[in-house]
Amino acid sequence: MRIRNRHFKRCAAAWILPAAIALAAAAASPVTAQTVGYRATFDATWTAETHPTNYPSNAHFSGLVGGTHDATTSFWMEGMDASLGMKHMAEWGAQNTLLAEVQSAIDAGGAGVQIADDPLWVVPGMTSVEFESTPDFSRVTLVAMIAPSPDWFIGVKGLDLRPGGEWAEEIVVEVYPFDAGTDSGSNYTSFDNPTSPAVPISAITSGPFTPGVPIGTLTFTRIGVSSVPAVPGVQVSAYPNPFNPQTTIAWELPDDSFLTIEIFDIRGRRVRTLWDRATPAGPGQVNWNGTDSKGRMQLSGKYFWKLHGADFQETGSVILAK
């Protein structure tokens, strides 16, 4: 792993194992919270030349998925059983269950934002996803399925973007293959063969991968720093959640403010602006009926709301059920 910041040159450090713009969670403390933007770039170097044994003809990767979190939260660990979200990611490339686990950690106060990206269909190749982090949630976990495969994946876990208390300008991590321990297939295209009972997650140090040769790199590049004063007393809720046909986003403002409320999809694309006007202190609310700015009904799934003013922001998620 290589780390670079204002006071460091590139240096070697302990090896840390592990496209949508994720929304930053507002700070809970009534003090200035530093919000930092990062770009995670996955450079896939897994090819028939680097890993020639039974290399598949349709090699690709599922989308990166994970989130930011604190030091007490973990979504996977070598030597421990895979969660259901990790199983679904490693076997099928599915993101929703793992994203739900990240959301549960957010709700419990142990995580900051969800991160999700589209699949990388062309290998070798690169893909990037941007997200925001805060001092409370300065660690990042990102994983992706190696596809096709029984249950193999790459990723980082609990990578600290703020080593020594200072945001790193760049961190480069070589990534290697892991086995989720939920399927016993031995080759990329093996038929489903569930491992029962499941075994702990482990590093793959033998075939079909070439031992000691990385699958690629994950590079985390700092792209912005801002100070966002959090305003105590801003209260927001969304109900019902899940919803159909509509949900209500309600707020209580301590002071008059110009208020904007936007809806984003899981890929970070703005779906609709629900509110954008000067708003008096006190309670207020606005409804969302699951449509975009052109009145088109959106697909069922998870969406993010973002409520922000000149000196504060709050975010959360709702599920459109059909």
Protein backbone atom coordinates (compact mmCIF):
# COMPACT_ATOMS: atom_id res chain seq x y z
CA MET A 1 0.00 0.00 0.00
CA ARG A 2 1.24 3.50 -0.82
CA ILE A 3 0.10 6.64 1.03
CA ARG A 4 0.77 10.23 -0.01
CA ASN A 5 -0.09 13.51 1.75
CA ARG A 6 1.47 16.90 2.38
CA HIS A 7 4.07 15.57 4.81
CA PHE A 8 4.90 12.25 3.13
CA LYS A 9 6.54 11.06 0.01
CA ARG A 10 5.27 7.74 -1.33
CA CYS A 11 6.32 5.00 1.06
CA ALA A 12 5.79 1.32 1.69
CA ALA A 13 3.45 0.35 4.53
CA ALA A 14 1.75 -2.76 5.84
CA TRP A 15 -0.36 -4.48 3.17
CA ILE A 16 -4.03 -3.84 3.84
CA LEU A 17 -6.50 -6.33 2.40
CA PRO A 18 -9.58 -5.46 1.56
CA ALA A 19 -20.20 4.65 -9.83
CA ALA A 20 -22.55 6.28 -8.03
CA ILE A 21 -21.84 9.32 -5.97
CA ALA A 22 -22.64 8.42 -2.37
CA LEU A 23 -24.24 11.11 -0.24
CA ALA A 24 -22.50 12.37 2.90
CA ALA A 25 -24.23 11.88 6.23
CA ALA A 26 -24.55 15.08 8.24
CA ALA A 27 -22.45 15.36 11.38
CA ALA A 28 -24.30 14.66 14.60
CA SER A 29 -22.15 17.00 16.69
CA PRO A 30 -22.92 20.77 16.72
CA VAL A 31 -19.37 21.64 15.67
CA THR A 32 -17.70 22.12 12.30
CA ALA A 33 -17.24 18.73 10.59
CA GLN A 34 -14.72 18.31 7.81
CA THR A 35 -16.23 16.66 4.74
CA VAL A 36 -13.73 15.15 2.31
CA GLY A 37 -14.34 13.86 -1.19
CA TYR A 38 -12.52 10.81 -2.52
CA ARG A 39 -12.42 9.01 -5.84
CA ALA A 40 -11.91 5.23 -5.67
CA THR A 41 -10.42 3.88 -8.91
CA PHE A 42 -10.23 0.17 -9.58
CA ASP A 43 -7.59 -0.69 -12.17
CA ALA A 44 -8.19 -4.35 -13.11
CA THR A 45 -5.01 -6.04 -14.35
CA TRP A 46 -6.36 -9.63 -14.22
CA THR A 47 -5.60 -11.08 -17.67
CA ALA A 48 -4.75 -14.35 -19.37
CA GLU A 49 -1.12 -13.26 -19.31
CA THR A 50 -1.00 -12.57 -15.55
CA HIS A 51 -3.26 -15.49 -14.50
CA PRO A 52 -3.23 -17.98 -17.39
CA THR A 53 -4.70 -21.06 -15.66
CA ASN A 54 -8.24 -21.63 -17.01
CA TYR A 55 -8.67 -17.89 -17.61
CA PRO A 56 -12.37 -17.33 -18.51
CA SER A 57 -13.42 -15.96 -21.87
CA ASN A 58 -15.90 -13.50 -20.34
CA ALA A 59 -13.78 -12.12 -17.50
CA HIS A 60 -15.29 -9.11 -15.72
CA PHE A 61 -16.06 -7.70 -12.27
CA SER A 62 -19.30 -6.82 -10.54
CA GLY A 63 -19.74 -3.22 -9.44
CA LEU A 64 -17.78 -1.99 -6.45
CA VAL A 65 -20.00 -1.91 -3.35
CA GLY A 66 -19.47 -0.95 0.27
CA GLY A 67 -19.44 2.13 2.44
CA THR A 68 -17.61 4.41 4.86
CA HIS A 69 -17.63 3.57 8.54
CA ASP A 70 -15.89 3.92 11.90
CA ALA A 71 -13.18 1.73 13.42
CA THR A 72 -15.68 -0.41 15.36
CA THR A 73 -17.66 -1.48 12.28
CA SER A 74 -16.68 -4.31 9.92
CA PHE A 75 -18.50 -5.80 6.93
CA TRP A 76 -16.07 -8.66 6.27
CA MET A 77 -12.90 -10.11 7.70
CA GLU A 78 -10.53 -12.90 6.76
CA GLY A 79 -11.09 -15.83 9.11
CA MET A 80 -14.74 -15.02 9.76
CA ASP A 81 -17.89 -16.29 8.03
CA ALA A 82 -19.29 -14.15 5.21
CA SER A 83 -22.46 -12.20 5.91
CA LEU A 84 -25.47 -12.74 3.65
CA GLY A 85 -24.57 -9.52 1.85
CA MET A 86 -21.01 -10.71 1.24
CA LYS A 87 -22.33 -14.10 0.05
CA HIS A 88 -24.68 -12.49 -2.47
CA MET A 89 -21.95 -10.15 -3.69
CA ALA A 90 -19.31 -12.88 -4.04
CA GLU A 91 -21.59 -15.48 -5.69
CA TRP A 92 -23.87 -13.34 -7.85
CA GLY A 93 -22.35 -9.85 -7.95
CA ALA A 94 -25.52 -8.58 -6.23
CA GLN A 95 -25.26 -5.32 -4.29
CA ASN A 96 -28.60 -4.77 -2.54
CA THR A 97 -28.14 -7.09 0.46
CA LEU A 98 -24.70 -5.72 1.29
CA LEU A 99 -25.98 -2.15 0.83
CA ALA A 100 -28.78 -3.00 3.29
CA GLU A 101 -26.13 -4.13 5.79
CA VAL A 102 -24.29 -0.84 5.31
CA GLN A 103 -27.58 1.03 5.81
CA SER A 104 -28.20 -0.89 9.04
CA ALA A 105 -24.77 0.24 10.24
CA ILE A 106 -25.63 3.83 9.23
CA ASP A 107 -28.87 3.62 11.20
CA ALA A 108 -26.92 2.27 14.20
CA GLY A 109 -24.43 5.16 14.04
CA GLY A 110 -21.45 3.08 12.90
CA ALA A 111 -21.28 4.03 9.20
CA GLY A 112 -21.50 7.14 7.06
CA VAL A 113 -22.53 6.47 3.45
CA GLN A 114 -23.21 3.65 1.02
CA ILE A 115 -21.04 3.31 -2.09
CA ALA A 116 -22.03 1.47 -5.28
CA ASP A 117 -20.74 1.37 -8.84
CA ASP A 118 -21.62 -0.27 -12.16
CA PRO A 119 -19.90 -3.53 -13.26
CA LEU A 120 -16.56 -3.43 -15.05
CA TRP A 121 -17.31 -5.43 -18.19
CA VAL A 122 -14.01 -4.96 -20.04
CA VAL A 123 -10.85 -6.41 -18.48
CA PRO A 124 -8.18 -5.14 -18.30
CA GLY A 125 -9.89 -1.85 -17.58
CA MET A 126 -10.67 0.83 -15.03
CA THR A 127 -13.71 2.19 -13.22
CA SER A 128 -14.14 4.96 -10.64
CA VAL A 129 -16.69 5.94 -8.02
CA GLU A 130 -16.77 9.10 -5.90
CA PHE A 131 -17.93 9.41 -2.31
CA GLU A 132 -17.57 11.62 0.76
CA SER A 133 -16.10 10.86 4.17
CA THR A 134 -16.01 12.59 7.56
CA PRO A 135 -13.71 12.19 10.57
CA ASP A 136 -16.31 10.04 12.33
CA PHE A 137 -16.45 7.68 9.32
CA SER A 138 -12.98 7.88 7.84
CA ARG A 139 -12.62 4.18 7.01
CA VAL A 140 -13.81 2.60 3.79
CA THR A 141 -14.74 -0.93 2.77
CA LEU A 142 -15.19 -1.75 -0.94
CA VAL A 143 -15.55 -5.17 -2.59
CA ALA A 144 -16.38 -6.62 -6.02
CA MET A 145 -17.04 -10.12 -7.33
CA ILE A 146 -14.45 -11.69 -9.64
CA ALA A 147 -16.66 -12.92 -12.46
CA PRO A 148 -17.28 -15.55 -13.43
CA SER A 149 -16.38 -17.45 -10.26
CA PRO A 150 -18.00 -19.61 -7.57
CA ASP A 151 -17.63 -17.04 -4.74
CA TRP A 152 -14.38 -15.16 -5.28
CA PHE A 153 -13.89 -11.43 -4.77
CA ILE A 154 -11.43 -8.58 -4.33
CA GLY A 155 -11.57 -5.58 -2.07
CA VAL A 156 -10.38 -3.54 0.89
CA LYS A 157 -11.76 -3.57 4.40
CA GLY A 158 -11.55 -0.84 7.00
CA LEU A 159 -9.00 1.19 5.01
CA ASP A 160 -8.23 4.35 7.00
CA LEU A 161 -8.34 7.44 4.78
CA ARG A 162 -7.13 9.60 7.67
CA PRO A 163 -3.98 7.90 9.00
CA GLY A 164 -2.36 9.91 11.76
CA GLY A 165 -5.33 12.27 11.85
CA GLU A 166 -4.68 13.81 8.43
CA TRP A 167 -6.57 13.04 5.23
CA ALA A 168 -4.33 11.19 2.77
CA GLU A 169 -3.93 12.68 -0.69
CA GLU A 170 -3.65 9.23 -2.25
CA ILE A 171 -3.62 5.61 -1.11
CA VAL A 172 -2.82 2.79 -3.54
CA VAL A 173 -3.65 -0.79 -2.52
CA GLU A 174 -2.79 -3.92 -4.47
CA VAL A 175 -5.78 -6.30 -4.38
CA TYR A 176 -5.66 -10.09 -4.37
CA PRO A 177 -8.36 -12.77 -4.63
CA PHE A 178 -10.44 -13.97 -1.68
CA ASP A 179 -12.80 -16.91 -1.26
CA ALA A 180 -16.07 -16.10 0.52
CA GLY A 181 -16.33 -19.70 1.78
CA THR A 182 -19.92 -20.19 0.61
CA ASP A 183 -19.42 -22.22 -2.59
CA SER A 184 -17.06 -25.14 -3.20
CA GLY A 185 -16.48 -24.69 -6.94
CA SER A 186 -12.83 -24.98 -7.92
CA ASN A 187 -12.85 -23.21 -11.30
CA TYR A 188 -14.20 -19.96 -12.67
CA THR A 189 -17.15 -21.64 -14.40
CA SER A 190 -17.89 -24.40 -11.86
CA PHE A 191 -21.56 -25.24 -11.31
CA ASP A 192 -23.14 -24.05 -8.05
CA ASN A 193 -21.91 -26.23 -5.22
CA PRO A 194 -22.94 -24.63 -1.90
CA THR A 195 -20.50 -25.17 0.95
CA SER A 196 -22.47 -26.53 3.91
CA PRO A 197 -21.72 -25.43 6.47
CA ALA A 198 -19.98 -22.35 5.13
CA VAL A 199 -16.32 -21.85 5.98
CA PRO A 200 -14.58 -18.58 6.88
CA ILE A 201 -13.41 -16.07 4.28
CA SER A 202 -9.84 -16.82 3.20
CA ALA A 203 -7.18 -15.53 0.83
CA ILE A 204 -6.70 -17.58 -2.34
CA THR A 205 -3.01 -18.39 -2.55
CA SER A 206 -3.05 -21.06 -5.25
CA GLY A 207 -4.68 -21.90 -8.60
CA PRO A 208 -6.37 -20.93 -10.72
CA PHE A 209 -4.80 -17.59 -9.75
CA THR A 210 -1.06 -17.06 -10.07
CA PRO A 211 0.28 -16.90 -6.50
CA GLY A 212 1.66 -13.52 -5.51
CA VAL A 213 0.32 -11.70 -8.57
CA PRO A 214 -2.30 -9.02 -7.83
CA ILE A 215 -5.68 -8.82 -9.55
CA GLY A 216 -5.33 -5.05 -9.80
CA THR A 217 -5.14 -1.93 -7.64
CA LEU A 218 -7.61 0.23 -5.77
CA THR A 219 -6.51 3.87 -5.63
CA PHE A 220 -8.19 6.37 -3.31
CA THR A 221 -7.53 9.95 -4.40
CA ARG A 222 -8.61 12.97 -2.40
CA ILE A 223 -10.68 15.31 -4.57
CA GLY A 224 -11.92 17.95 -2.14
CA VAL A 225 -12.10 19.17 1.44
CA SER A 226 -14.75 21.44 2.89
CA SER A 227 -15.89 22.53 6.32
CA VAL A 228 -19.63 22.14 6.85
CA PRO A 229 -20.94 23.55 10.12
CA ALA A 230 -23.64 21.28 11.42
CA VAL A 231 -26.70 23.02 12.80
CA PRO A 232 -28.16 21.50 15.96
CA GLY A 233 -31.88 21.07 16.00
CA VAL A 234 -32.45 20.25 12.31
CA GLN A 235 -34.76 17.25 12.42
CA VAL A 236 -35.79 15.24 9.35
CA SER A 237 -37.86 12.11 8.85
CA ALA A 238 -39.32 10.20 5.90
CA TYR A 239 -42.51 8.18 6.26
CA PRO A 240 -43.83 5.71 5.35
CA ASN A 241 -40.66 3.83 4.49
CA PRO A 242 -40.82 1.57 2.46
CA PHE A 243 -43.56 3.43 0.55
CA ASN A 244 -46.10 3.07 -2.22
CA PRO A 245 -47.55 5.23 -3.69
CA GLN A 246 -45.86 8.16 -1.90
CA THR A 247 -43.63 9.11 1.04
CA THR A 248 -43.48 12.32 3.06
CA ILE A 249 -40.21 14.05 3.94
CA ALA A 250 -40.86 16.20 7.01
CA TRP A 251 -38.51 18.65 8.71
CA GLU A 252 -38.20 21.02 11.65
CA LEU A 253 -35.88 24.00 11.11
CA PRO A 254 -34.53 26.02 14.05
CA ASP A 255 -34.08 29.14 11.87
CA ASP A 256 -35.23 30.56 8.55
CA SER A 257 -33.17 29.10 5.70
CA PHE A 258 -33.09 28.60 1.95
CA LEU A 259 -33.88 24.91 1.79
CA THR A 260 -33.31 22.38 -1.00
CA ILE A 261 -34.54 18.77 -1.00
CA GLU A 262 -33.39 16.41 -3.74
CA ILE A 263 -33.87 12.73 -4.59
CA PHE A 264 -30.97 10.62 -5.95
CA ASP A 265 -30.89 7.04 -7.21
CA ILE A 266 -28.40 4.41 -6.07
CA ARG A 267 -25.95 5.53 -8.78
CA GLY A 268 -25.90 9.08 -7.47
CA ARG A 269 -27.96 10.57 -10.29
CA ARG A 270 -30.40 13.30 -9.34
CA VAL A 271 -33.93 12.02 -9.92
CA ARG A 272 -35.93 15.04 -8.81
CA THR A 273 -35.74 18.29 -6.85
CA LEU A 274 -38.72 18.36 -4.50
CA TRP A 275 -38.13 21.68 -2.74
CA ASP A 276 -35.92 24.69 -3.52
CA ARG A 277 -37.01 27.88 -1.82
CA ALA A 278 -36.71 30.17 1.18
CA THR A 279 -38.26 28.31 4.10
CA PRO A 280 -39.31 29.68 7.48
CA ALA A 281 -38.25 28.17 10.80
CA GLY A 282 -40.49 25.46 12.17
CA PRO A 283 -42.11 22.37 10.71
CA GLY A 284 -42.65 21.63 7.02
CA GLN A 285 -43.05 18.73 4.66
CA VAL A 286 -43.09 17.68 1.02
CA ASN A 287 -44.29 14.49 -0.68
CA TRP A 288 -42.55 12.30 -3.26
CA ASN A 289 -44.64 9.96 -5.39
CA GLY A 290 -41.76 7.97 -6.91
CA THR A 291 -41.53 9.96 -10.16
CA ASP A 292 -38.67 11.90 -11.73
CA SER A 293 -38.69 15.54 -12.84
CA LYS A 294 -40.55 14.57 -16.04
CA GLY A 295 -43.24 12.62 -14.20
CA ARG A 296 -41.88 9.19 -15.13
CA MET A 297 -42.41 6.48 -12.55
CA GLN A 298 -39.13 5.09 -11.20
CA LEU A 299 -38.21 1.45 -10.67
CA SER A 300 -38.65 -0.08 -7.25
CA GLY A 301 -35.57 0.06 -5.05
CA LYS A 302 -33.57 2.30 -2.76
CA TYR A 303 -33.37 6.09 -3.25
CA PHE A 304 -31.59 8.78 -1.27
CA TRP A 305 -33.02 12.10 -0.13
CA LYS A 306 -30.74 15.03 0.58
CA LEU A 307 -31.96 18.06 2.53
CA HIS A 308 -29.54 20.98 2.74
CA GLY A 309 -29.29 24.68 3.43
CA ALA A 310 -26.49 27.22 3.44
CA ASP A 311 -24.74 25.71 6.46
CA PHE A 312 -26.17 22.24 7.01
CA GLN A 313 -27.23 19.05 5.30
CA GLU A 314 -29.06 15.87 6.21
CA THR A 315 -29.40 12.69 4.14
CA GLY A 316 -31.27 9.46 4.35
CA SER A 317 -32.83 6.75 2.22
CA VAL A 318 -36.28 5.49 1.29
CA ILE A 319 -37.38 2.34 -0.48
CA LEU A 320 -39.92 2.46 -3.29
CA ALA A 321 -41.84 -0.82 -3.07
CA LYS A 322 -44.06 -2.26 -5.79
